[in-house]
PDB file of N, CA and C in Angstrom:
ATOM      1  N   UNK A   1      23.732   6.990 -13.914  1.00  0.00           N
ATOM      2  CA  UNK A   1      23.765   5.617 -14.362  1.00  0.00           C
ATOM      3  C   UNK A   1      23.198   5.520 -15.773  1.00  0.00           C
ATOM      4  N   UNK A   2      23.774   4.646 -16.549  1.00  0.00           N
ATOM      5  CA  UNK A   2      23.389   4.536 -17.951  1.00  0.00           C
ATOM      6  C   UNK A   2      22.179   3.634 -18.165  1.00  0.00           C
ATOM      7  N   UNK A   3      21.856   2.810 -17.181  1.00  0.00           N
ATOM      8  CA  UNK A   3      20.687   1.942 -17.268  1.00  0.00           C
ATOM      9  C   UNK A   3      19.610   2.505 -16.346  1.00  0.00           C
ATOM     10  N   UNK A   4      18.372   2.542 -16.861  1.00  0.00           N
ATOM     11  CA  UNK A   4      17.276   3.142 -16.111  1.00  0.00           C
ATOM     12  C   UNK A   4      16.142   2.144 -15.908  1.00  0.00           C
ATOM     13  N   UNK A   5      15.170   2.530 -15.085  1.00  0.00           N
ATOM     14  CA  UNK A   5      14.010   1.706 -14.808  1.00  0.00           C
ATOM     15  C   UNK A   5      13.246   1.433 -16.109  1.00  0.00           C
ATOM     16  N   UNK A   6      12.687   0.236 -16.235  1.00  0.00           N
ATOM     17  CA  UNK A   6      11.916  -0.246 -17.382  1.00  0.00           C
ATOM     18  C   UNK A   6      12.758  -0.562 -18.615  1.00  0.00           C
ATOM     19  N   UNK A   7      14.088  -0.512 -18.527  1.00  0.00           N
ATOM     20  CA  UNK A   7      14.951  -0.939 -19.634  1.00  0.00           C
ATOM     21  C   UNK A   7      14.980  -2.463 -19.682  1.00  0.00           C
ATOM     22  N   UNK A   8      15.126  -3.012 -20.880  1.00  0.00           N
ATOM     23  CA  UNK A   8      15.272  -4.449 -21.056  1.00  0.00           C
ATOM     24  C   UNK A   8      16.757  -4.781 -21.021  1.00  0.00           C
ATOM     25  N   UNK A   9      17.148  -5.731 -20.154  1.00  0.00           N
ATOM     26  CA  UNK A   9      18.559  -6.073 -19.986  1.00  0.00           C
ATOM     27  C   UNK A   9      18.766  -7.575 -20.091  1.00  0.00           C
ATOM     28  N   UNK A  10      20.031  -7.962 -20.337  1.00  0.00           N
ATOM     29  CA  UNK A  10      20.424  -9.362 -20.421  1.00  0.00           C
ATOM     30  C   UNK A  10      21.500  -9.618 -19.376  1.00  0.00           C
ATOM     31  N   UNK A  11      21.371 -10.731 -18.643  1.00  0.00           N
ATOM     32  CA  UNK A  11      22.358 -11.089 -17.623  1.00  0.00           C
ATOM     33  C   UNK A  11      23.634 -11.573 -18.288  1.00  0.00           C
ATOM     34  N   UNK A  12      24.772 -11.043 -17.848  1.00  0.00           N
ATOM     35  CA  UNK A  12      26.077 -11.421 -18.391  1.00  0.00           C
ATOM     36  C   UNK A  12      26.752 -12.517 -17.594  1.00  0.00           C
ATOM     37  N   UNK A  13      26.395 -12.668 -16.316  1.00  0.00           N
ATOM     38  CA  UNK A  13      27.077 -13.640 -15.463  1.00  0.00           C
ATOM     39  C   UNK A  13      26.116 -14.184 -14.422  1.00  0.00           C
ATOM     40  N   UNK A  14      26.556 -15.234 -13.748  1.00  0.00           N
ATOM     41  CA  UNK A  14      25.771 -15.818 -12.672  1.00  0.00           C
ATOM     42  C   UNK A  14      24.896 -16.966 -13.138  1.00  0.00           C
ATOM     43  N   UNK A  15      24.025 -17.409 -12.259  1.00  0.00           N
ATOM     44  CA  UNK A  15      23.186 -18.569 -12.553  1.00  0.00           C
ATOM     45  C   UNK A  15      22.141 -18.286 -13.632  1.00  0.00           C
ATOM     46  N   UNK A  16      21.803 -17.025 -13.844  1.00  0.00           N
ATOM     47  CA  UNK A  16      20.812 -16.640 -14.854  1.00  0.00           C
ATOM     48  C   UNK A  16      21.452 -16.077 -16.118  1.00  0.00           C
ATOM     49  N   UNK A  17      22.706 -16.426 -16.395  1.00  0.00           N
ATOM     50  CA  UNK A  17      23.428 -15.904 -17.555  1.00  0.00           C
ATOM     51  C   UNK A  17      22.653 -16.190 -18.852  1.00  0.00           C
ATOM     52  N   UNK A  18      22.503 -15.138 -19.676  1.00  0.00           N
ATOM     53  CA  UNK A  18      21.825 -15.266 -20.955  1.00  0.00           C
ATOM     54  C   UNK A  18      20.342 -14.949 -20.917  1.00  0.00           C
ATOM     55  N   UNK A  19      19.743 -14.880 -19.737  1.00  0.00           N
ATOM     56  CA  UNK A  19      18.312 -14.585 -19.623  1.00  0.00           C
ATOM     57  C   UNK A  19      18.085 -13.075 -19.671  1.00  0.00           C
ATOM     58  N   UNK A  20      16.880 -12.686 -20.085  1.00  0.00           N
ATOM     59  CA  UNK A  20      16.545 -11.263 -20.168  1.00  0.00           C
ATOM     60  C   UNK A  20      15.428 -10.922 -19.194  1.00  0.00           C
ATOM     61  N   UNK A  21      15.366  -9.655 -18.825  1.00  0.00           N
ATOM     62  CA  UNK A  21      14.334  -9.178 -17.922  1.00  0.00           C
ATOM     63  C   UNK A  21      14.279  -7.664 -17.908  1.00  0.00           C
ATOM     64  N   UNK A  22      13.249  -7.132 -17.278  1.00  0.00           N
ATOM     65  CA  UNK A  22      13.033  -5.691 -17.206  1.00  0.00           C
ATOM     66  C   UNK A  22      13.521  -5.170 -15.862  1.00  0.00           C
ATOM     67  N   UNK A  23      14.126  -3.991 -15.859  1.00  0.00           N
ATOM     68  CA  UNK A  23      14.615  -3.361 -14.626  1.00  0.00           C
ATOM     69  C   UNK A  23      13.419  -2.883 -13.803  1.00  0.00           C
ATOM     70  N   UNK A  24      13.359  -3.339 -12.539  1.00  0.00           N
ATOM     71  CA  UNK A  24      12.297  -2.906 -11.629  1.00  0.00           C
ATOM     72  C   UNK A  24      12.726  -1.736 -10.770  1.00  0.00           C
ATOM     73  N   UNK A  25      14.011  -1.742 -10.363  1.00  0.00           N
ATOM     74  CA  UNK A  25      14.505  -0.721  -9.438  1.00  0.00           C
ATOM     75  C   UNK A  25      15.987  -0.490  -9.691  1.00  0.00           C
ATOM     76  N   UNK A  26      16.417   0.762  -9.605  1.00  0.00           N
ATOM     77  CA  UNK A  26      17.821   1.122  -9.764  1.00  0.00           C
ATOM     78  C   UNK A  26      18.298   1.743  -8.451  1.00  0.00           C
ATOM     79  N   UNK A  27      19.456   1.273  -7.957  1.00  0.00           N
ATOM     80  CA  UNK A  27      20.021   1.783  -6.711  1.00  0.00           C
ATOM     81  C   UNK A  27      21.396   2.367  -7.040  1.00  0.00           C
ATOM     82  N   UNK A  28      21.469   3.664  -7.421  1.00  0.00           N
ATOM     83  CA  UNK A  28      22.735   4.249  -7.865  1.00  0.00           C
ATOM     84  C   UNK A  28      23.809   4.347  -6.786  1.00  0.00           C
ATOM     85  N   UNK A  29      23.423   4.483  -5.518  1.00  0.00           N
ATOM     86  CA  UNK A  29      24.411   4.606  -4.450  1.00  0.00           C
ATOM     87  C   UNK A  29      25.240   3.328  -4.310  1.00  0.00           C
ATOM     88  N   UNK A  30      24.624   2.181  -4.543  1.00  0.00           N
ATOM     89  CA  UNK A  30      25.310   0.891  -4.410  1.00  0.00           C
ATOM     90  C   UNK A  30      25.688   0.292  -5.765  1.00  0.00           C
ATOM     91  N   UNK A  31      25.360   0.991  -6.859  1.00  0.00           N
ATOM     92  CA  UNK A  31      25.600   0.525  -8.228  1.00  0.00           C
ATOM     93  C   UNK A  31      24.964  -0.839  -8.466  1.00  0.00           C
ATOM     94  N   UNK A  32      23.703  -0.979  -8.064  1.00  0.00           N
ATOM     95  CA  UNK A  32      22.975  -2.232  -8.222  1.00  0.00           C
ATOM     96  C   UNK A  32      21.613  -1.985  -8.846  1.00  0.00           C
ATOM     97  N   UNK A  33      21.041  -3.057  -9.424  1.00  0.00           N
ATOM     98  CA  UNK A  33      19.705  -3.009 -10.008  1.00  0.00           C
ATOM     99  C   UNK A  33      18.932  -4.257  -9.603  1.00  0.00           C
ATOM    100  N   UNK A  34      17.597  -4.153  -9.639  1.00  0.00           N
ATOM    101  CA  UNK A  34      16.727  -5.291  -9.412  1.00  0.00           C
ATOM    102  C   UNK A  34      16.056  -5.593 -10.743  1.00  0.00           C
ATOM    103  N   UNK A  35      16.202  -6.850 -11.212  1.00  0.00           N
ATOM    104  CA  UNK A  35      15.686  -7.244 -12.514  1.00  0.00           C
ATOM    105  C   UNK A  35      14.535  -8.226 -12.316  1.00  0.00           C
ATOM    106  N   UNK A  36      13.434  -7.984 -13.032  1.00  0.00           N
ATOM    107  CA  UNK A  36      12.240  -8.812 -12.927  1.00  0.00           C
ATOM    108  C   UNK A  36      12.519 -10.235 -13.428  1.00  0.00           C
ATOM    109  N   UNK A  37      12.260 -11.219 -12.576  1.00  0.00           N
ATOM    110  CA  UNK A  37      12.396 -12.623 -12.959  1.00  0.00           C
ATOM    111  C   UNK A  37      13.806 -13.186 -12.920  1.00  0.00           C
ATOM    112  N   UNK A  38      14.807 -12.391 -12.539  1.00  0.00           N
ATOM    113  CA  UNK A  38      16.183 -12.867 -12.477  1.00  0.00           C
ATOM    114  C   UNK A  38      16.724 -12.731 -11.059  1.00  0.00           C
ATOM    115  N   UNK A  39      17.690 -13.583 -10.725  1.00  0.00           N
ATOM    116  CA  UNK A  39      18.298 -13.630  -9.397  1.00  0.00           C
ATOM    117  C   UNK A  39      17.231 -13.824  -8.318  1.00  0.00           C
ATOM    118  N   UNK A  40      16.355 -14.814  -8.536  1.00  0.00           N
ATOM    119  CA  UNK A  40      15.236 -15.094  -7.638  1.00  0.00           C
ATOM    120  C   UNK A  40      15.714 -15.910  -6.436  1.00  0.00           C
ATOM    121  N   UNK A  41      15.290 -15.497  -5.251  1.00  0.00           N
ATOM    122  CA  UNK A  41      15.569 -16.227  -4.024  1.00  0.00           C
ATOM    123  C   UNK A  41      14.263 -16.493  -3.305  1.00  0.00           C
ATOM    124  N   UNK A  42      14.240 -17.580  -2.535  1.00  0.00           N
ATOM    125  CA  UNK A  42      13.042 -17.923  -1.775  1.00  0.00           C
ATOM    126  C   UNK A  42      13.189 -17.416  -0.345  1.00  0.00           C
ATOM    127  N   UNK A  43      12.172 -16.721   0.118  1.00  0.00           N
ATOM    128  CA  UNK A  43      12.154 -16.207   1.486  1.00  0.00           C
ATOM    129  C   UNK A  43      11.026 -16.908   2.231  1.00  0.00           C
ATOM    130  N   UNK A  44      11.329 -17.439   3.406  1.00  0.00           N
ATOM    131  CA  UNK A  44      10.326 -18.127   4.213  1.00  0.00           C
ATOM    132  C   UNK A  44       9.675 -17.116   5.144  1.00  0.00           C
ATOM    133  N   UNK A  45       8.337 -17.086   5.148  1.00  0.00           N
ATOM    134  CA  UNK A  45       7.610 -16.161   6.014  1.00  0.00           C
ATOM    135  C   UNK A  45       6.841 -16.942   7.081  1.00  0.00           C
ATOM    136  N   UNK A  46       6.827 -16.397   8.272  1.00  0.00           N
ATOM    137  CA  UNK A  46       6.097 -17.008   9.376  1.00  0.00           C
ATOM    138  C   UNK A  46       4.633 -16.601   9.295  1.00  0.00           C
ATOM    139  N   UNK A  47       3.765 -17.416   9.862  1.00  0.00           N
ATOM    140  CA  UNK A  47       2.366 -16.988   9.947  1.00  0.00           C
ATOM    141  C   UNK A  47       2.237 -15.844  10.960  1.00  0.00           C
ATOM    142  N   UNK A  48       1.570 -14.792  10.616  1.00  0.00           N
ATOM    143  CA  UNK A  48       1.449 -13.621  11.493  1.00  0.00           C
ATOM    144  C   UNK A  48       0.162 -13.667  12.329  1.00  0.00           C
ATOM    145  N   UNK A  49      -0.910 -14.196  11.757  1.00  0.00           N
ATOM    146  CA  UNK A  49      -2.184 -14.266  12.476  1.00  0.00           C
ATOM    147  C   UNK A  49      -2.535 -15.726  12.750  1.00  0.00           C
ATOM    148  N   UNK A  50      -3.454 -15.938  13.644  1.00  0.00           N
ATOM    149  CA  UNK A  50      -3.897 -17.293  13.951  1.00  0.00           C
ATOM    150  C   UNK A  50      -4.683 -17.848  12.761  1.00  0.00           C
ATOM    151  N   UNK A  51      -4.369 -19.051  12.367  1.00  0.00           N
ATOM    152  CA  UNK A  51      -5.048 -19.663  11.222  1.00  0.00           C
ATOM    153  C   UNK A  51      -4.325 -19.430   9.901  1.00  0.00           C
ATOM    154  N   UNK A  52      -3.389 -18.511   9.880  1.00  0.00           N
ATOM    155  CA  UNK A  52      -2.626 -18.228   8.653  1.00  0.00           C
ATOM    156  C   UNK A  52      -1.472 -19.220   8.548  1.00  0.00           C
ATOM    157  N   UNK A  53      -1.125 -19.567   7.322  1.00  0.00           N
ATOM    158  CA  UNK A  53      -0.035 -20.516   7.118  1.00  0.00           C
ATOM    159  C   UNK A  53       1.251 -19.791   6.757  1.00  0.00           C
ATOM    160  N   UNK A  54       2.364 -20.426   7.107  1.00  0.00           N
ATOM    161  CA  UNK A  54       3.657 -19.919   6.660  1.00  0.00           C
ATOM    162  C   UNK A  54       3.846 -20.276   5.191  1.00  0.00           C
ATOM    163  N   UNK A  55       4.675 -19.543   4.501  1.00  0.00           N
ATOM    164  CA  UNK A  55       4.856 -19.807   3.080  1.00  0.00           C
ATOM    165  C   UNK A  55       6.246 -19.424   2.612  1.00  0.00           C
ATOM    166  N   UNK A  56       6.561 -19.834   1.377  1.00  0.00           N
ATOM    167  CA  UNK A  56       7.813 -19.443   0.738  1.00  0.00           C
ATOM    168  C   UNK A  56       7.472 -18.446  -0.356  1.00  0.00           C
ATOM    169  N   UNK A  57       8.083 -17.282  -0.294  1.00  0.00           N
ATOM    170  CA  UNK A  57       7.838 -16.222  -1.264  1.00  0.00           C
ATOM    171  C   UNK A  57       9.087 -16.067  -2.130  1.00  0.00           C
ATOM    172  N   UNK A  58       8.909 -15.998  -3.455  1.00  0.00           N
ATOM    173  CA  UNK A  58      10.043 -15.799  -4.356  1.00  0.00           C
ATOM    174  C   UNK A  58      10.259 -14.303  -4.573  1.00  0.00           C
ATOM    175  N   UNK A  59      11.472 -13.837  -4.290  1.00  0.00           N
ATOM    176  CA  UNK A  59      11.798 -12.415  -4.355  1.00  0.00           C
ATOM    177  C   UNK A  59      12.999 -12.205  -5.274  1.00  0.00           C
ATOM    178  N   UNK A  60      12.922 -11.243  -6.227  1.00  0.00           N
ATOM    179  CA  UNK A  60      14.116 -10.919  -7.017  1.00  0.00           C
ATOM    180  C   UNK A  60      15.066 -10.058  -6.192  1.00  0.00           C
ATOM    181  N   UNK A  61      16.336 -10.456  -6.140  1.00  0.00           N
ATOM    182  CA  UNK A  61      17.337  -9.686  -5.389  1.00  0.00           C
ATOM    183  C   UNK A  61      18.149  -8.824  -6.324  1.00  0.00           C
ATOM    184  N   UNK A  62      18.840  -7.850  -5.745  1.00  0.00           N
ATOM    185  CA  UNK A  62      19.635  -6.920  -6.538  1.00  0.00           C
ATOM    186  C   UNK A  62      20.920  -7.566  -7.058  1.00  0.00           C
ATOM    187  N   UNK A  63      21.383  -7.079  -8.213  1.00  0.00           N
ATOM    188  CA  UNK A  63      22.628  -7.551  -8.821  1.00  0.00           C
ATOM    189  C   UNK A  63      23.470  -6.335  -9.197  1.00  0.00           C
ATOM    190  N   UNK A  64      24.766  -6.544  -9.368  1.00  0.00           N
ATOM    191  CA  UNK A  64      25.649  -5.462  -9.779  1.00  0.00           C
ATOM    192  C   UNK A  64      25.280  -4.986 -11.180  1.00  0.00           C
ATOM    193  N   UNK A  65      25.408  -3.702 -11.410  1.00  0.00           N
ATOM    194  CA  UNK A  65      25.104  -3.105 -12.708  1.00  0.00           C
ATOM    195  C   UNK A  65      26.010  -3.659 -13.800  1.00  0.00           C
ATOM    196  N   UNK A  66      27.222  -4.078 -13.424  1.00  0.00           N
ATOM    197  CA  UNK A  66      28.159  -4.629 -14.399  1.00  0.00           C
ATOM    198  C   UNK A  66      27.766  -6.036 -14.842  1.00  0.00           C
ATOM    199  N   UNK A  67      26.844  -6.675 -14.126  1.00  0.00           N
ATOM    200  CA  UNK A  67      26.406  -8.022 -14.470  1.00  0.00           C
ATOM    201  C   UNK A  67      25.288  -8.044 -15.498  1.00  0.00           C
ATOM    202  N   UNK A  68      24.787  -6.871 -15.875  1.00  0.00           N
ATOM    203  CA  UNK A  68      23.715  -6.802 -16.871  1.00  0.00           C
ATOM    204  C   UNK A  68      24.136  -5.919 -18.036  1.00  0.00           C
ATOM    205  N   UNK A  69      23.591  -6.217 -19.206  1.00  0.00           N
ATOM    206  CA  UNK A  69      23.851  -5.420 -20.398  1.00  0.00           C
ATOM    207  C   UNK A  69      22.545  -4.974 -21.015  1.00  0.00           C
ATOM    208  N   UNK A  70      22.479  -3.734 -21.433  1.00  0.00           N
ATOM    209  CA  UNK A  70      21.269  -3.172 -22.020  1.00  0.00           C
ATOM    210  C   UNK A  70      21.006  -3.767 -23.397  1.00  0.00           C
ATOM    211  N   UNK A  71      19.743  -4.082 -23.691  1.00  0.00           N
ATOM    212  CA  UNK A  71      19.351  -4.560 -25.014  1.00  0.00           C
ATOM    213  C   UNK A  71      18.733  -3.382 -25.757  1.00  0.00           C
ATOM    214  N   UNK A  72      19.303  -3.071 -26.929  1.00  0.00           N
ATOM    215  CA  UNK A  72      18.824  -1.952 -27.750  1.00  0.00           C
ATOM    216  C   UNK A  72      17.450  -2.287 -28.320  1.00  0.00           C
ATOM    217  N   UNK A  73      16.463  -1.387 -28.194  1.00  0.00           N
ATOM    218  CA  UNK A  73      15.136  -1.663 -28.742  1.00  0.00           C
ATOM    219  C   UNK A  73      15.112  -1.683 -30.274  1.00  0.00           C
ATOM    220  N   UNK A  74      16.065  -1.020 -30.922  1.00  0.00           N
ATOM    221  CA  UNK A  74      16.078  -0.961 -32.396  1.00  0.00           C
ATOM    222  C   UNK A  74      16.729  -2.197 -33.011  1.00  0.00           C
ATOM    223  N   UNK A  75      17.975  -2.520 -32.601  1.00  0.00           N
ATOM    224  CA  UNK A  75      18.710  -3.631 -33.217  1.00  0.00           C
ATOM    225  C   UNK A  75      18.581  -4.934 -32.433  1.00  0.00           C
ATOM    226  N   UNK A  76      17.968  -4.904 -31.244  1.00  0.00           N
ATOM    227  CA  UNK A  76      17.716  -6.084 -30.405  1.00  0.00           C
ATOM    228  C   UNK A  76      18.991  -6.825 -30.015  1.00  0.00           C
ATOM    229  N   UNK A  77      20.116  -6.110 -29.888  1.00  0.00           N
ATOM    230  CA  UNK A  77      21.374  -6.708 -29.463  1.00  0.00           C
ATOM    231  C   UNK A  77      21.797  -6.106 -28.129  1.00  0.00           C
ATOM    232  N   UNK A  78      22.595  -6.875 -27.374  1.00  0.00           N
ATOM    233  CA  UNK A  78      23.159  -6.350 -26.131  1.00  0.00           C
ATOM    234  C   UNK A  78      24.221  -5.331 -26.500  1.00  0.00           C
ATOM    235  N   UNK A  79      24.151  -4.158 -25.906  1.00  0.00           N
ATOM    236  CA  UNK A  79      25.029  -3.070 -26.309  1.00  0.00           C
ATOM    237  C   UNK A  79      25.483  -2.238 -25.129  1.00  0.00           C
ATOM    238  N   UNK A  80      26.501  -1.427 -25.384  1.00  0.00           N
ATOM    239  CA  UNK A  80      26.916  -0.431 -24.405  1.00  0.00           C
ATOM    240  C   UNK A  80      26.148   0.852 -24.698  1.00  0.00           C
ATOM    241  N   UNK A  81      26.153   1.763 -23.738  1.00  0.00           N
ATOM    242  CA  UNK A  81      25.387   2.999 -23.864  1.00  0.00           C
ATOM    243  C   UNK A  81      26.335   4.172 -24.021  1.00  0.00           C
ATOM    244  N   UNK A  82      26.040   5.042 -24.992  1.00  0.00           N
ATOM    245  CA  UNK A  82      26.786   6.269 -25.177  1.00  0.00           C
ATOM    246  C   UNK A  82      25.836   7.447 -25.062  1.00  0.00           C
ATOM    247  N   UNK A  83      26.388   8.638 -25.132  1.00  0.00           N
ATOM    248  CA  UNK A  83      25.568   9.847 -25.047  1.00  0.00           C
ATOM    249  C   UNK A  83      25.877  10.781 -26.204  1.00  0.00           C
ATOM    250  N   UNK A  84      24.854  11.477 -26.695  1.00  0.00           N
ATOM    251  CA  UNK A  84      25.011  12.552 -27.665  1.00  0.00           C
ATOM    252  C   UNK A  84      24.114  13.692 -27.229  1.00  0.00           C
ATOM    253  N   UNK A  85      24.475  14.898 -27.660  1.00  0.00           N
ATOM    254  CA  UNK A  85      23.668  16.064 -27.323  1.00  0.00           C
ATOM    255  C   UNK A  85      22.926  16.520 -28.569  1.00  0.00           C
ATOM    256  N   UNK A  86      21.590  16.493 -28.503  1.00  0.00           N
ATOM    257  CA  UNK A  86      20.723  16.945 -29.577  1.00  0.00           C
ATOM    258  C   UNK A  86      19.906  18.123 -29.071  1.00  0.00           C
ATOM    259  N   UNK A  87      20.076  19.278 -29.684  1.00  0.00           N
ATOM    260  CA  UNK A  87      19.293  20.483 -29.356  1.00  0.00           C
ATOM    261  C   UNK A  87      19.247  20.743 -27.841  1.00  0.00           C
ATOM    262  N   UNK A  88      20.420  20.833 -27.222  1.00  0.00           N
ATOM    263  CA  UNK A  88      20.568  21.104 -25.787  1.00  0.00           C
ATOM    264  C   UNK A  88      19.933  20.031 -24.903  1.00  0.00           C
ATOM    265  N   UNK A  89      19.850  18.795 -25.407  1.00  0.00           N
ATOM    266  CA  UNK A  89      19.298  17.688 -24.640  1.00  0.00           C
ATOM    267  C   UNK A  89      20.233  16.492 -24.753  1.00  0.00           C
ATOM    268  N   UNK A  90      20.631  15.947 -23.624  1.00  0.00           N
ATOM    269  CA  UNK A  90      21.524  14.787 -23.589  1.00  0.00           C
ATOM    270  C   UNK A  90      20.697  13.515 -23.785  1.00  0.00           C
ATOM    271  N   UNK A  91      21.081  12.706 -24.775  1.00  0.00           N
ATOM    272  CA  UNK A  91      20.302  11.532 -25.150  1.00  0.00           C
ATOM    273  C   UNK A  91      21.181  10.290 -25.118  1.00  0.00           C
ATOM    274  N   UNK A  92      20.628   9.166 -24.631  1.00  0.00           N
ATOM    275  CA  UNK A  92      21.348   7.896 -24.654  1.00  0.00           C
ATOM    276  C   UNK A  92      21.278   7.295 -26.059  1.00  0.00           C
ATOM    277  N   UNK A  93      22.401   6.731 -26.508  1.00  0.00           N
ATOM    278  CA  UNK A  93      22.422   6.089 -27.818  1.00  0.00           C
ATOM    279  C   UNK A  93      23.045   4.704 -27.712  1.00  0.00           C
ATOM    280  N   UNK A  94      22.688   3.847 -28.675  1.00  0.00           N
ATOM    281  CA  UNK A  94      23.249   2.501 -28.792  1.00  0.00           C
ATOM    282  C   UNK A  94      24.601   2.624 -29.468  1.00  0.00           C
ATOM    283  N   UNK A  95      25.629   1.986 -28.906  1.00  0.00           N
ATOM    284  CA  UNK A  95      26.978   2.044 -29.481  1.00  0.00           C
ATOM    285  C   UNK A  95      27.104   1.219 -30.757  1.00  0.00           C
ATOM    286  N   UNK A  96      26.189   0.265 -30.990  1.00  0.00           N
ATOM    287  CA  UNK A  96      26.272  -0.595 -32.169  1.00  0.00           C
ATOM    288  C   UNK A  96      25.573   0.016 -33.386  1.00  0.00           C
ATOM    289  N   UNK A  97      24.325   0.490 -33.200  1.00  0.00           N
ATOM    290  CA  UNK A  97      23.564   0.994 -34.350  1.00  0.00           C
ATOM    291  C   UNK A  97      23.372   2.507 -34.328  1.00  0.00           C
ATOM    292  N   UNK A  98      23.876   3.187 -33.290  1.00  0.00           N
ATOM    293  CA  UNK A  98      23.797   4.641 -33.142  1.00  0.00           C
ATOM    294  C   UNK A  98      22.355   5.161 -33.028  1.00  0.00           C
ATOM    295  N   UNK A  99      21.401   4.285 -32.697  1.00  0.00           N
ATOM    296  CA  UNK A  99      20.006   4.697 -32.543  1.00  0.00           C
ATOM    297  C   UNK A  99      19.778   5.257 -31.137  1.00  0.00           C
ATOM    298  N   UNK A 100      18.798   6.134 -31.039  1.00  0.00           N
ATOM    299  CA  UNK A 100      18.452   6.720 -29.744  1.00  0.00           C
ATOM    300  C   UNK A 100      17.691   5.698 -28.909  1.00  0.00           C
ATOM    301  N   UNK A 101      18.061   5.604 -27.627  1.00  0.00           N
ATOM    302  CA  UNK A 101      17.400   4.646 -26.729  1.00  0.00           C
ATOM    303  C   UNK A 101      16.318   5.368 -25.944  1.00  0.00           C
TER     304      UNK A 101
END
């Protein structure tokens, strides 16, 4: 996968279109990612012990990898990811400014 954990991404579609966030988790088998602060859903939890209250917890859910675009740290634009080989090492590069990501 071309997008990795801790990358800064921008949502391309959905209710959070245009917002940015950091990748928390990558699920390559399902081609999905979990983005911090985006695609938030409320989950209702029951009280487990006596005296404890039930509550609503906000949880970020996974989104398709095609719904997010990587933001280049150098040019600060949403970009596609390419690869180049430098000294027997495969490196991700920005397709717009050719900088190493």
